[in-house]
Amino acid sequence: LLNAKYKPPIIISEKNNIILFPTISPYSNKCIWINYKKINNIKISNNKLIIFFNNNKKLVINSSIYIIKNQISKSINLELILRSKLL
């Protein structure tokens, strides 16, 4: 749907509108899948990216804020495509 060739987000549930994106290559055993709708905030501290979630949990990863924002953008675009197909 997106034509994203590198680290595309995936649809887990169309009915519940659950879309996850990978933090790194999905082929890596270090890959973490994140639901962008559960992200509350993103910060950088000591060259680490900290993702704060709605449930007051946080995740510290080695990634740039640009990469994660790009992954969030891909997820939002996929959601918009999905919604337009369901109408």
C-alpha atoms as a PDB file:
ATOM      1  CA  LEU A   1       0.000   0.000   0.000  1.00  0.00           C
ATOM      2  CA  LEU A   2       2.803   2.419   0.879  1.00  0.00           C
ATOM      3  CA  ASN A   3       5.511   1.312  -1.551  1.00  0.00           C
ATOM      4  CA  ALA A   4       7.964   1.645   1.345  1.00  0.00           C
ATOM      5  CA  LYS A   5      10.822  -0.726   0.649  1.00  0.00           C
ATOM      6  CA  TYR A   6      12.866  -0.257   3.813  1.00  0.00           C
ATOM      7  CA  LYS A   7      11.433  -0.849   7.279  1.00  0.00           C
ATOM      8  CA  PRO A   8       7.766  -0.585   6.286  1.00  0.00           C
ATOM      9  CA  PRO A   9       5.094  -0.433   8.979  1.00  0.00           C
ATOM     10  CA  ILE A  10       2.691  -3.363   9.119  1.00  0.00           C
ATOM     11  CA  ILE A  11      -1.032  -3.614   9.724  1.00  0.00           C
ATOM     12  CA  ILE A  12      -1.767  -5.873  12.678  1.00  0.00           C
ATOM     13  CA  SER A  13      -5.516  -5.293  12.728  1.00  0.00           C
ATOM     14  CA  GLU A  14      -7.582  -3.358  10.210  1.00  0.00           C
ATOM     15  CA  LYS A  15     -10.646  -3.583  12.436  1.00  0.00           C
ATOM     16  CA  ASN A  16      -8.846  -2.137  15.470  1.00  0.00           C
ATOM     17  CA  ASN A  17      -6.619   0.104  13.366  1.00  0.00           C
ATOM     18  CA  ILE A  18      -3.376  -1.243  14.839  1.00  0.00           C
ATOM     19  CA  ILE A  19      -0.241  -0.407  12.876  1.00  0.00           C
ATOM     20  CA  LEU A  20       3.279  -1.124  14.084  1.00  0.00           C
ATOM     21  CA  PHE A  21       6.618   0.140  12.813  1.00  0.00           C
ATOM     22  CA  PRO A  22      10.065  -1.429  13.260  1.00  0.00           C
ATOM     23  CA  THR A  23      12.853   0.470  14.996  1.00  0.00           C
ATOM     24  CA  ILE A  24      15.512  -1.220  12.838  1.00  0.00           C
ATOM     25  CA  SER A  25      15.515  -3.883  10.152  1.00  0.00           C
ATOM     26  CA  PRO A  26      12.741  -6.392  10.786  1.00  0.00           C
ATOM     27  CA  TYR A  27      15.276  -9.127  10.036  1.00  0.00           C
ATOM     28  CA  SER A  28      17.311  -8.185  13.096  1.00  0.00           C
ATOM     29  CA  ASN A  29      16.614  -9.972  16.361  1.00  0.00           C
ATOM     30  CA  LYS A  30      17.087  -6.554  18.022  1.00  0.00           C
ATOM     31  CA  CYS A  31      14.124  -5.083  16.169  1.00  0.00           C
ATOM     32  CA  ILE A  32      11.380  -3.601  18.331  1.00  0.00           C
ATOM     33  CA  TRP A  33       7.897  -3.058  16.905  1.00  0.00           C
ATOM     34  CA  ILE A  34       6.106   0.075  18.125  1.00  0.00           C
ATOM     35  CA  ASN A  35       2.526   1.266  17.868  1.00  0.00           C
ATOM     36  CA  TYR A  36       2.932   4.965  17.062  1.00  0.00           C
ATOM     37  CA  LYS A  37      -0.427   5.779  18.641  1.00  0.00           C
ATOM     38  CA  LYS A  38       0.944   4.790  22.026  1.00  0.00           C
ATOM     39  CA  ILE A  39       3.850   7.263  21.885  1.00  0.00           C
ATOM     40  CA  ASN A  40       3.459  10.255  24.165  1.00  0.00           C
ATOM     41  CA  ASN A  41       6.830  11.967  23.651  1.00  0.00           C
ATOM     42  CA  ILE A  42      10.319  11.488  22.246  1.00  0.00           C
ATOM     43  CA  LYS A  43      13.507  12.972  23.709  1.00  0.00           C
ATOM     44  CA  ILE A  44      17.248  12.699  23.258  1.00  0.00           C
ATOM     45  CA  SER A  45      19.477  12.256  26.287  1.00  0.00           C
ATOM     46  CA  ASN A  46      23.164  11.256  26.347  1.00  0.00           C
ATOM     47  CA  ASN A  47      23.028  10.401  22.634  1.00  0.00           C
ATOM     48  CA  LYS A  48      20.193   7.939  23.267  1.00  0.00           C
ATOM     49  CA  LEU A  49      16.656   8.265  22.057  1.00  0.00           C
ATOM     50  CA  ILE A  50      13.993   7.899  24.733  1.00  0.00           C
ATOM     51  CA  ILE A  51      10.452   7.095  23.694  1.00  0.00           C
ATOM     52  CA  PHE A  52       7.815   7.802  26.328  1.00  0.00           C
ATOM     53  CA  PHE A  53       4.545   5.919  26.038  1.00  0.00           C
ATOM     54  CA  ASN A  54       1.006   6.729  27.144  1.00  0.00           C
ATOM     55  CA  ASN A  55       1.221   4.138  29.928  1.00  0.00           C
ATOM     56  CA  ASN A  56       4.175   6.003  31.536  1.00  0.00           C
ATOM     57  CA  LYS A  57       6.688   3.393  30.313  1.00  0.00           C
ATOM     58  CA  LYS A  58       9.762   4.415  28.384  1.00  0.00           C
ATOM     59  CA  LEU A  59      12.070   2.776  25.898  1.00  0.00           C
ATOM     60  CA  VAL A  60      15.699   3.775  25.355  1.00  0.00           C
ATOM     61  CA  ILE A  61      17.096   2.907  21.936  1.00  0.00           C
ATOM     62  CA  ASN A  62      20.072   3.613  19.716  1.00  0.00           C
ATOM     63  CA  SER A  63      18.363   5.500  16.938  1.00  0.00           C
ATOM     64  CA  SER A  64      18.062   9.010  15.642  1.00  0.00           C
ATOM     65  CA  ILE A  65      14.973  11.088  16.199  1.00  0.00           C
ATOM     66  CA  TYR A  66      14.827  11.574  12.428  1.00  0.00           C
ATOM     67  CA  ILE A  67      14.527   7.824  11.825  1.00  0.00           C
ATOM     68  CA  ILE A  68      11.774   7.361  14.400  1.00  0.00           C
ATOM     69  CA  LYS A  69       9.847  10.402  13.160  1.00  0.00           C
ATOM     70  CA  ASN A  70      10.138   9.025   9.629  1.00  0.00           C
ATOM     71  CA  GLN A  71       8.769   5.671  10.830  1.00  0.00           C
ATOM     72  CA  ILE A  72       5.878   7.455  12.553  1.00  0.00           C
ATOM     73  CA  SER A  73       5.176   9.359   9.342  1.00  0.00           C
ATOM     74  CA  LYS A  74       5.108   6.113   7.334  1.00  0.00           C
ATOM     75  CA  SER A  75       2.674   4.646   9.870  1.00  0.00           C
ATOM     76  CA  ILE A  76       0.378   7.654   9.673  1.00  0.00           C
ATOM     77  CA  ASN A  77       0.425   7.523   5.872  1.00  0.00           C
ATOM     78  CA  LEU A  78      -0.430   3.821   5.953  1.00  0.00           C
ATOM     79  CA  GLU A  79      -3.303   4.539   8.305  1.00  0.00           C
ATOM     80  CA  LEU A  80      -4.639   7.246   5.976  1.00  0.00           C
ATOM     81  CA  ILE A  81      -4.446   4.865   3.010  1.00  0.00           C
ATOM     82  CA  LEU A  82      -6.170   2.154   5.011  1.00  0.00           C
ATOM     83  CA  ARG A  83      -8.960   4.488   6.095  1.00  0.00           C
ATOM     84  CA  SER A  84      -9.529   5.723   2.535  1.00  0.00           C
ATOM     85  CA  LYS A  85      -9.861   2.133   1.301  1.00  0.00           C
ATOM     86  CA  LEU A  86     -12.389   1.315   4.035  1.00  0.00           C
ATOM     87  CA  LEU A  87     -14.682   4.229   3.129  1.00  0.00           C
END
